[in-house]
Amino acid sequence: HAINNGIAYLALIAGHGNSMLIDMV
């Protein structure tokens, strides 16, 4: 749970909180 939330938080502060994988690749 901590790992999952940590990844989500990093995506959020990087400006990708609502980004999909297709948008990033």
mmCIF file of all heavy atoms, coordinates in Angstrom:
data_MODEL
# 
_entry.id   MODEL 
# 
loop_
_atom_site.group_PDB 
_atom_site.id 
_atom_site.type_symbol 
_atom_site.label_atom_id 
_atom_site.label_alt_id 
_atom_site.label_comp_id 
_atom_site.label_asym_id 
_atom_site.label_entity_id 
_atom_site.label_seq_id 
_atom_site.pdbx_PDB_ins_code 
_atom_site.Cartn_x 
_atom_site.Cartn_y 
_atom_site.Cartn_z 
_atom_site.occupancy 
_atom_site.B_iso_or_equiv 
_atom_site.pdbx_formal_charge 
_atom_site.auth_seq_id 
_atom_site.auth_comp_id 
_atom_site.auth_asym_id 
_atom_site.auth_atom_id 
_atom_site.pdbx_PDB_model_num 
ATOM 1   N N   . HIS A 1 1  ? 0.846  -1.196 0.000   1.00 0.00 ? 1  HIS A N   1 
ATOM 2   C CA  . HIS A 1 1  ? 0.000  0.000  0.000   1.00 0.00 ? 1  HIS A CA  1 
ATOM 3   C C   . HIS A 1 1  ? 0.884  1.251  0.000   1.00 0.00 ? 1  HIS A C   1 
ATOM 4   O O   . HIS A 1 1  ? 0.620  2.219  -0.735  1.00 0.00 ? 1  HIS A O   1 
ATOM 5   C CB  . HIS A 1 1  ? -0.904 -0.021 1.234   1.00 0.00 ? 1  HIS A CB  1 
ATOM 6   C CG  . HIS A 1 1  ? -2.036 0.945  1.183   1.00 0.00 ? 1  HIS A CG  1 
ATOM 7   N ND1 . HIS A 1 1  ? -3.237 0.725  1.831   1.00 0.00 ? 1  HIS A ND1 1 
ATOM 8   C CD2 . HIS A 1 1  ? -2.172 2.157  0.575   1.00 0.00 ? 1  HIS A CD2 1 
ATOM 9   C CE1 . HIS A 1 1  ? -4.053 1.745  1.620   1.00 0.00 ? 1  HIS A CE1 1 
ATOM 10  N NE2 . HIS A 1 1  ? -3.423 2.635  0.869   1.00 0.00 ? 1  HIS A NE2 1 
ATOM 11  N N   . ALA A 1 2  ? 1.934  1.238  0.807   1.00 0.00 ? 2  ALA A N   1 
ATOM 12  C CA  . ALA A 1 2  ? 2.844  2.380  0.876   1.00 0.00 ? 2  ALA A CA  1 
ATOM 13  C C   . ALA A 1 2  ? 3.557  2.591  -0.461  1.00 0.00 ? 2  ALA A C   1 
ATOM 14  O O   . ALA A 1 2  ? 3.722  3.740  -0.910  1.00 0.00 ? 2  ALA A O   1 
ATOM 15  C CB  . ALA A 1 2  ? 3.865  2.171  1.992   1.00 0.00 ? 2  ALA A CB  1 
ATOM 16  N N   . ILE A 1 3  ? 3.980  1.516  -1.100  1.00 0.00 ? 3  ILE A N   1 
ATOM 17  C CA  . ILE A 1 3  ? 4.646  1.622  -2.401  1.00 0.00 ? 3  ILE A CA  1 
ATOM 18  C C   . ILE A 1 3  ? 3.696  2.196  -3.439  1.00 0.00 ? 3  ILE A C   1 
ATOM 19  O O   . ILE A 1 3  ? 4.049  3.095  -4.218  1.00 0.00 ? 3  ILE A O   1 
ATOM 20  C CB  . ILE A 1 3  ? 5.176  0.243  -2.853  1.00 0.00 ? 3  ILE A CB  1 
ATOM 21  C CG1 . ILE A 1 3  ? 6.334  -0.202 -1.950  1.00 0.00 ? 3  ILE A CG1 1 
ATOM 22  C CG2 . ILE A 1 3  ? 5.630  0.289  -4.315  1.00 0.00 ? 3  ILE A CG2 1 
ATOM 23  C CD1 . ILE A 1 3  ? 6.788  -1.622 -2.191  1.00 0.00 ? 3  ILE A CD1 1 
ATOM 24  N N   . ASN A 1 4  ? 2.461  1.675  -3.468  1.00 0.00 ? 4  ASN A N   1 
ATOM 25  C CA  . ASN A 1 4  ? 1.461  2.160  -4.426  1.00 0.00 ? 4  ASN A CA  1 
ATOM 26  C C   . ASN A 1 4  ? 1.180  3.651  -4.231  1.00 0.00 ? 4  ASN A C   1 
ATOM 27  O O   . ASN A 1 4  ? 1.151  4.429  -5.194  1.00 0.00 ? 4  ASN A O   1 
ATOM 28  C CB  . ASN A 1 4  ? 0.174  1.357  -4.253  1.00 0.00 ? 4  ASN A CB  1 
ATOM 29  C CG  . ASN A 1 4  ? -0.907 1.779  -5.226  1.00 0.00 ? 4  ASN A CG  1 
ATOM 30  O OD1 . ASN A 1 4  ? -0.835 1.516  -6.416  1.00 0.00 ? 4  ASN A OD1 1 
ATOM 31  N ND2 . ASN A 1 4  ? -1.930 2.452  -4.728  1.00 0.00 ? 4  ASN A ND2 1 
ATOM 32  N N   . ASN A 1 5  ? 1.001  4.063  -2.968  1.00 0.00 ? 5  ASN A N   1 
ATOM 33  C CA  . ASN A 1 5  ? 0.734  5.470  -2.685  1.00 0.00 ? 5  ASN A CA  1 
ATOM 34  C C   . ASN A 1 5  ? 1.940  6.351  -2.984  1.00 0.00 ? 5  ASN A C   1 
ATOM 35  O O   . ASN A 1 5  ? 1.805  7.491  -3.433  1.00 0.00 ? 5  ASN A O   1 
ATOM 36  C CB  . ASN A 1 5  ? 0.312  5.646  -1.223  1.00 0.00 ? 5  ASN A CB  1 
ATOM 37  C CG  . ASN A 1 5  ? -1.108 5.205  -0.968  1.00 0.00 ? 5  ASN A CG  1 
ATOM 38  O OD1 . ASN A 1 5  ? -1.734 4.582  -1.831  1.00 0.00 ? 5  ASN A OD1 1 
ATOM 39  N ND2 . ASN A 1 5  ? -1.625 5.495  0.203   1.00 0.00 ? 5  ASN A ND2 1 
ATOM 40  N N   . GLY A 1 6  ? 3.132  5.809  -2.725  1.00 0.00 ? 6  GLY A N   1 
ATOM 41  C CA  . GLY A 1 6  ? 4.346  6.564  -3.008  1.00 0.00 ? 6  GLY A CA  1 
ATOM 42  C C   . GLY A 1 6  ? 4.501  6.845  -4.496  1.00 0.00 ? 6  GLY A C   1 
ATOM 43  O O   . GLY A 1 6  ? 4.863  7.957  -4.897  1.00 0.00 ? 6  GLY A O   1 
ATOM 44  N N   . ILE A 1 7  ? 4.214  5.839  -5.323  1.00 0.00 ? 7  ILE A N   1 
ATOM 45  C CA  . ILE A 1 7  ? 4.281  6.018  -6.776  1.00 0.00 ? 7  ILE A CA  1 
ATOM 46  C C   . ILE A 1 7  ? 3.257  7.050  -7.229  1.00 0.00 ? 7  ILE A C   1 
ATOM 47  O O   . ILE A 1 7  ? 3.552  7.926  -8.054  1.00 0.00 ? 7  ILE A O   1 
ATOM 48  C CB  . ILE A 1 7  ? 4.058  4.669  -7.492  1.00 0.00 ? 7  ILE A CB  1 
ATOM 49  C CG1 . ILE A 1 7  ? 5.220  3.718  -7.204  1.00 0.00 ? 7  ILE A CG1 1 
ATOM 50  C CG2 . ILE A 1 7  ? 3.897  4.874  -8.997  1.00 0.00 ? 7  ILE A CG2 1 
ATOM 51  C CD1 . ILE A 1 7  ? 5.008  2.306  -7.712  1.00 0.00 ? 7  ILE A CD1 1 
ATOM 52  N N   . ALA A 1 8  ? 2.048  6.963  -6.675  1.00 0.00 ? 8  ALA A N   1 
ATOM 53  C CA  . ALA A 1 8  ? 0.990  7.913  -7.030  1.00 0.00 ? 8  ALA A CA  1 
ATOM 54  C C   . ALA A 1 8  ? 1.369  9.329  -6.616  1.00 0.00 ? 8  ALA A C   1 
ATOM 55  O O   . ALA A 1 8  ? 1.102  10.296 -7.358  1.00 0.00 ? 8  ALA A O   1 
ATOM 56  C CB  . ALA A 1 8  ? -0.321 7.503  -6.369  1.00 0.00 ? 8  ALA A CB  1 
ATOM 57  N N   . TYR A 1 9  ? 1.999  9.477  -5.450  1.00 0.00 ? 9  TYR A N   1 
ATOM 58  C CA  . TYR A 1 9  ? 2.395  10.810 -4.987  1.00 0.00 ? 9  TYR A CA  1 
ATOM 59  C C   . TYR A 1 9  ? 3.487  11.391 -5.884  1.00 0.00 ? 9  TYR A C   1 
ATOM 60  O O   . TYR A 1 9  ? 3.454  12.585 -6.226  1.00 0.00 ? 9  TYR A O   1 
ATOM 61  C CB  . TYR A 1 9  ? 2.880  10.740 -3.543  1.00 0.00 ? 9  TYR A CB  1 
ATOM 62  C CG  . TYR A 1 9  ? 3.319  12.082 -3.004  1.00 0.00 ? 9  TYR A CG  1 
ATOM 63  C CD1 . TYR A 1 9  ? 2.383  13.029 -2.609  1.00 0.00 ? 9  TYR A CD1 1 
ATOM 64  C CD2 . TYR A 1 9  ? 4.676  12.409 -2.916  1.00 0.00 ? 9  TYR A CD2 1 
ATOM 65  C CE1 . TYR A 1 9  ? 2.781  14.269 -2.132  1.00 0.00 ? 9  TYR A CE1 1 
ATOM 66  C CE2 . TYR A 1 9  ? 5.078  13.649 -2.442  1.00 0.00 ? 9  TYR A CE2 1 
ATOM 67  C CZ  . TYR A 1 9  ? 4.128  14.574 -2.054  1.00 0.00 ? 9  TYR A CZ  1 
ATOM 68  O OH  . TYR A 1 9  ? 4.527  15.812 -1.600  1.00 0.00 ? 9  TYR A OH  1 
ATOM 69  N N   . LEU A 1 10 ? 4.456  10.577 -6.270  1.00 0.00 ? 10 LEU A N   1 
ATOM 70  C CA  . LEU A 1 10 ? 5.520  11.046 -7.160  1.00 0.00 ? 10 LEU A CA  1 
ATOM 71  C C   . LEU A 1 10 ? 4.947  11.486 -8.503  1.00 0.00 ? 10 LEU A C   1 
ATOM 72  O O   . LEU A 1 10 ? 5.372  12.502 -9.066  1.00 0.00 ? 10 LEU A O   1 
ATOM 73  C CB  . LEU A 1 10 ? 6.560  9.938  -7.370  1.00 0.00 ? 10 LEU A CB  1 
ATOM 74  C CG  . LEU A 1 10 ? 7.444  9.608  -6.159  1.00 0.00 ? 10 LEU A CG  1 
ATOM 75  C CD1 . LEU A 1 10 ? 8.333  8.403  -6.466  1.00 0.00 ? 10 LEU A CD1 1 
ATOM 76  C CD2 . LEU A 1 10 ? 8.298  10.817 -5.765  1.00 0.00 ? 10 LEU A CD2 1 
ATOM 77  N N   . ALA A 1 11 ? 3.971  10.731 -9.001  1.00 0.00 ? 11 ALA A N   1 
ATOM 78  C CA  . ALA A 1 11 ? 3.320  11.113 -10.266 1.00 0.00 ? 11 ALA A CA  1 
ATOM 79  C C   . ALA A 1 11 ? 2.582  12.437 -10.097 1.00 0.00 ? 11 ALA A C   1 
ATOM 80  O O   . ALA A 1 11 ? 2.585  13.282 -11.005 1.00 0.00 ? 11 ALA A O   1 
ATOM 81  C CB  . ALA A 1 11 ? 2.359  10.023 -10.708 1.00 0.00 ? 11 ALA A CB  1 
ATOM 82  N N   . LEU A 1 12 ? 1.979  12.637 -8.921  1.00 0.00 ? 12 LEU A N   1 
ATOM 83  C CA  . LEU A 1 12 ? 1.214  13.857 -8.667  1.00 0.00 ? 12 LEU A CA  1 
ATOM 84  C C   . LEU A 1 12 ? 2.113  15.083 -8.662  1.00 0.00 ? 12 LEU A C   1 
ATOM 85  O O   . LEU A 1 12 ? 1.822  16.087 -9.328  1.00 0.00 ? 12 LEU A O   1 
ATOM 86  C CB  . LEU A 1 12 ? 0.482  13.730 -7.332  1.00 0.00 ? 12 LEU A CB  1 
ATOM 87  C CG  . LEU A 1 12 ? -0.415 14.903 -6.923  1.00 0.00 ? 12 LEU A CG  1 
ATOM 88  C CD1 . LEU A 1 12 ? -1.604 15.009 -7.873  1.00 0.00 ? 12 LEU A CD1 1 
ATOM 89  C CD2 . LEU A 1 12 ? -0.892 14.725 -5.486  1.00 0.00 ? 12 LEU A CD2 1 
ATOM 90  N N   . ILE A 1 13 ? 3.221  15.031 -7.930  1.00 0.00 ? 13 ILE A N   1 
ATOM 91  C CA  . ILE A 1 13 ? 4.093  16.200 -7.838  1.00 0.00 ? 13 ILE A CA  1 
ATOM 92  C C   . ILE A 1 13 ? 4.861  16.428 -9.137  1.00 0.00 ? 13 ILE A C   1 
ATOM 93  O O   . ILE A 1 13 ? 5.361  17.540 -9.377  1.00 0.00 ? 13 ILE A O   1 
ATOM 94  C CB  . ILE A 1 13 ? 5.081  16.088 -6.650  1.00 0.00 ? 13 ILE A CB  1 
ATOM 95  C CG1 . ILE A 1 13 ? 6.024  14.900 -6.825  1.00 0.00 ? 13 ILE A CG1 1 
ATOM 96  C CG2 . ILE A 1 13 ? 4.326  16.007 -5.332  1.00 0.00 ? 13 ILE A CG2 1 
ATOM 97  C CD1 . ILE A 1 13 ? 7.110  14.832 -5.764  1.00 0.00 ? 13 ILE A CD1 1 
ATOM 98  N N   . ALA A 1 14 ? 4.934  15.392 -9.971  1.00 0.00 ? 14 ALA A N   1 
ATOM 99  C CA  . ALA A 1 14 ? 5.580  15.550 -11.275 1.00 0.00 ? 14 ALA A CA  1 
ATOM 100 C C   . ALA A 1 14 ? 4.607  16.094 -12.320 1.00 0.00 ? 14 ALA A C   1 
ATOM 101 O O   . ALA A 1 14 ? 4.985  16.295 -13.478 1.00 0.00 ? 14 ALA A O   1 
ATOM 102 C CB  . ALA A 1 14 ? 6.158  14.220 -11.736 1.00 0.00 ? 14 ALA A CB  1 
ATOM 103 N N   . GLY A 1 15 ? 3.374  16.335 -11.907 1.00 0.00 ? 15 GLY A N   1 
ATOM 104 C CA  . GLY A 1 15 ? 2.382  16.876 -12.822 1.00 0.00 ? 15 GLY A CA  1 
ATOM 105 C C   . GLY A 1 15 ? 1.656  15.842 -13.639 1.00 0.00 ? 15 GLY A C   1 
ATOM 106 O O   . GLY A 1 15 ? 1.009  16.165 -14.637 1.00 0.00 ? 15 GLY A O   1 
ATOM 107 N N   . HIS A 1 16 ? 1.750  14.564 -13.221 1.00 0.00 ? 16 HIS A N   1 
ATOM 108 C CA  . HIS A 1 16 ? 1.106  13.482 -13.973 1.00 0.00 ? 16 HIS A CA  1 
ATOM 109 C C   . HIS A 1 16 ? 0.032  12.785 -13.146 1.00 0.00 ? 16 HIS A C   1 
ATOM 110 O O   . HIS A 1 16 ? -0.238 11.598 -13.339 1.00 0.00 ? 16 HIS A O   1 
ATOM 111 C CB  . HIS A 1 16 ? 2.143  12.459 -14.426 1.00 0.00 ? 16 HIS A CB  1 
ATOM 112 C CG  . HIS A 1 16 ? 3.204  13.024 -15.327 1.00 0.00 ? 16 HIS A CG  1 
ATOM 113 N ND1 . HIS A 1 16 ? 2.926  13.522 -16.582 1.00 0.00 ? 16 HIS A ND1 1 
ATOM 114 C CD2 . HIS A 1 16 ? 4.549  13.164 -15.139 1.00 0.00 ? 16 HIS A CD2 1 
ATOM 115 C CE1 . HIS A 1 16 ? 4.056  13.952 -17.141 1.00 0.00 ? 16 HIS A CE1 1 
ATOM 116 N NE2 . HIS A 1 16 ? 5.044  13.758 -16.289 1.00 0.00 ? 16 HIS A NE2 1 
ATOM 117 N N   . GLY A 1 17 ? -0.581 13.528 -12.216 1.00 0.00 ? 17 GLY A N   1 
ATOM 118 C CA  . GLY A 1 17 ? -1.562 12.917 -11.337 1.00 0.00 ? 17 GLY A CA  1 
ATOM 119 C C   . GLY A 1 17 ? -2.714 12.255 -12.061 1.00 0.00 ? 17 GLY A C   1 
ATOM 120 O O   . GLY A 1 17 ? -3.193 11.199 -11.659 1.00 0.00 ? 17 GLY A O   1 
ATOM 121 N N   . ASN A 1 18 ? -3.188 12.868 -13.152 1.00 0.00 ? 18 ASN A N   1 
ATOM 122 C CA  . ASN A 1 18 ? -4.297 12.303 -13.922 1.00 0.00 ? 18 ASN A CA  1 
ATOM 123 C C   . ASN A 1 18 ? -3.847 11.817 -15.305 1.00 0.00 ? 18 ASN A C   1 
ATOM 124 O O   . ASN A 1 18 ? -4.687 11.544 -16.163 1.00 0.00 ? 18 ASN A O   1 
ATOM 125 C CB  . ASN A 1 18 ? -5.404 13.352 -14.087 1.00 0.00 ? 18 ASN A CB  1 
ATOM 126 C CG  . ASN A 1 18 ? -6.197 13.547 -12.801 1.00 0.00 ? 18 ASN A CG  1 
ATOM 127 O OD1 . ASN A 1 18 ? -6.871 12.643 -12.327 1.00 0.00 ? 18 ASN A OD1 1 
ATOM 128 N ND2 . ASN A 1 18 ? -6.097 14.733 -12.213 1.00 0.00 ? 18 ASN A ND2 1 
ATOM 129 N N   . SER A 1 19 ? -2.536 11.725 -15.486 1.00 0.00 ? 19 SER A N   1 
ATOM 130 C CA  . SER A 1 19 ? -2.019 11.282 -16.786 1.00 0.00 ? 19 SER A CA  1 
ATOM 131 C C   . SER A 1 19 ? -2.136 9.775  -16.920 1.00 0.00 ? 19 SER A C   1 
ATOM 132 O O   . SER A 1 19 ? -1.982 9.032  -15.950 1.00 0.00 ? 19 SER A O   1 
ATOM 133 C CB  . SER A 1 19 ? -0.558 11.696 -16.950 1.00 0.00 ? 19 SER A CB  1 
ATOM 134 O OG  . SER A 1 19 ? -0.423 13.095 -16.922 1.00 0.00 ? 19 SER A OG  1 
ATOM 135 N N   . MET A 1 20 ? -2.403 9.330  -18.147 1.00 0.00 ? 20 MET A N   1 
ATOM 136 C CA  . MET A 1 20 ? -2.442 7.909  -18.449 1.00 0.00 ? 20 MET A CA  1 
ATOM 137 C C   . MET A 1 20 ? -1.103 7.479  -19.056 1.00 0.00 ? 20 MET A C   1 
ATOM 138 O O   . MET A 1 20 ? -0.344 8.313  -19.564 1.00 0.00 ? 20 MET A O   1 
ATOM 139 C CB  . MET A 1 20 ? -3.582 7.609  -19.423 1.00 0.00 ? 20 MET A CB  1 
ATOM 140 C CG  . MET A 1 20 ? -4.959 7.964  -18.881 1.00 0.00 ? 20 MET A CG  1 
ATOM 141 S SD  . MET A 1 20 ? -5.414 6.920  -17.471 1.00 0.00 ? 20 MET A SD  1 
ATOM 142 C CE  . MET A 1 20 ? -6.963 7.669  -16.974 1.00 0.00 ? 20 MET A CE  1 
ATOM 143 N N   . LEU A 1 21 ? -0.834 6.196  -18.985 1.00 0.00 ? 21 LEU A N   1 
ATOM 144 C CA  . LEU A 1 21 ? 0.424  5.682  -19.516 1.00 0.00 ? 21 LEU A CA  1 
ATOM 145 C C   . LEU A 1 21 ? 0.580  6.033  -20.990 1.00 0.00 ? 21 LEU A C   1 
ATOM 146 O O   . LEU A 1 21 ? 1.677  6.373  -21.447 1.00 0.00 ? 21 LEU A O   1 
ATOM 147 C CB  . LEU A 1 21 ? 0.477  4.162  -19.328 1.00 0.00 ? 21 LEU A CB  1 
ATOM 148 C CG  . LEU A 1 21 ? 1.757  3.471  -19.810 1.00 0.00 ? 21 LEU A CG  1 
ATOM 149 C CD1 . LEU A 1 21 ? 2.974  3.989  -19.034 1.00 0.00 ? 21 LEU A CD1 1 
ATOM 150 C CD2 . LEU A 1 21 ? 1.635  1.954  -19.664 1.00 0.00 ? 21 LEU A CD2 1 
ATOM 151 N N   . ILE A 1 22 ? -0.513 5.992  -21.718 1.00 0.00 ? 22 ILE A N   1 
ATOM 152 C CA  . ILE A 1 22 ? -0.453 6.292  -23.151 1.00 0.00 ? 22 ILE A CA  1 
ATOM 153 C C   . ILE A 1 22 ? -0.007 7.735  -23.400 1.00 0.00 ? 22 ILE A C   1 
ATOM 154 O O   . ILE A 1 22 ? 0.647  8.035  -24.408 1.00 0.00 ? 22 ILE A O   1 
ATOM 155 C CB  . ILE A 1 22 ? -1.824 6.028  -23.820 1.00 0.00 ? 22 ILE A CB  1 
ATOM 156 C CG1 . ILE A 1 22 ? -1.685 6.108  -25.338 1.00 0.00 ? 22 ILE A CG1 1 
ATOM 157 C CG2 . ILE A 1 22 ? -2.879 7.003  -23.304 1.00 0.00 ? 22 ILE A CG2 1 
ATOM 158 C CD1 . ILE A 1 22 ? -2.910 5.636  -26.082 1.00 0.00 ? 22 ILE A CD1 1 
ATOM 159 N N   . ASP A 1 23 ? -0.314 8.637  -22.481 1.00 0.00 ? 23 ASP A N   1 
ATOM 160 C CA  . ASP A 1 23 ? 0.107  10.030 -22.619 1.00 0.00 ? 23 ASP A CA  1 
ATOM 161 C C   . ASP A 1 23 ? 1.594  10.194 -22.314 1.00 0.00 ? 23 ASP A C   1 
ATOM 162 O O   . ASP A 1 23 ? 2.239  11.097 -22.851 1.00 0.00 ? 23 ASP A O   1 
ATOM 163 C CB  . ASP A 1 23 ? -0.697 10.928 -21.671 1.00 0.00 ? 23 ASP A CB  1 
ATOM 164 C CG  . ASP A 1 23 ? -2.186 10.857 -21.937 1.00 0.00 ? 23 ASP A CG  1 
ATOM 165 O OD1 . ASP A 1 23 ? -2.571 10.842 -23.128 1.00 0.00 ? 23 ASP A OD1 1 
ATOM 166 O OD2 . ASP A 1 23 ? -2.964 10.817 -20.962 1.00 0.00 ? 23 ASP A OD2 1 
ATOM 167 N N   . MET A 1 24 ? 2.126  9.339  -21.454 1.00 0.00 ? 24 MET A N   1 
ATOM 168 C CA  . MET A 1 24 ? 3.511  9.493  -21.018 1.00 0.00 ? 24 MET A CA  1 
ATOM 169 C C   . MET A 1 24 ? 4.520  8.796  -21.922 1.00 0.00 ? 24 MET A C   1 
ATOM 170 O O   . MET A 1 24 ? 5.640  9.260  -22.071 1.00 0.00 ? 24 MET A O   1 
ATOM 171 C CB  . MET A 1 24 ? 3.655  8.979  -19.574 1.00 0.00 ? 24 MET A CB  1 
ATOM 172 C CG  . MET A 1 24 ? 2.909  9.844  -18.559 1.00 0.00 ? 24 MET A CG  1 
ATOM 173 S SD  . MET A 1 24 ? 3.228  9.384  -16.849 1.00 0.00 ? 24 MET A SD  1 
ATOM 174 C CE  . MET A 1 24 ? 2.267  7.872  -16.707 1.00 0.00 ? 24 MET A CE  1 
ATOM 175 N N   . VAL A 1 25 ? 4.133  7.677  -22.547 1.00 0.00 ? 25 VAL A N   1 
ATOM 176 C CA  . VAL A 1 25 ? 5.094  6.953  -23.380 1.00 0.00 ? 25 VAL A CA  1 
ATOM 177 C C   . VAL A 1 25 ? 5.267  7.598  -24.749 1.00 0.00 ? 25 VAL A C   1 
ATOM 178 O O   . VAL A 1 25 ? 6.314  7.450  -25.388 1.00 0.00 ? 25 VAL A O   1 
ATOM 179 C CB  . VAL A 1 25 ? 4.700  5.468  -23.544 1.00 0.00 ? 25 VAL A CB  1 
ATOM 180 C CG1 . VAL A 1 25 ? 4.692  4.766  -22.198 1.00 0.00 ? 25 VAL A CG1 1 
ATOM 181 C CG2 . VAL A 1 25 ? 3.349  5.328  -24.228 1.00 0.00 ? 25 VAL A CG2 1 
# 
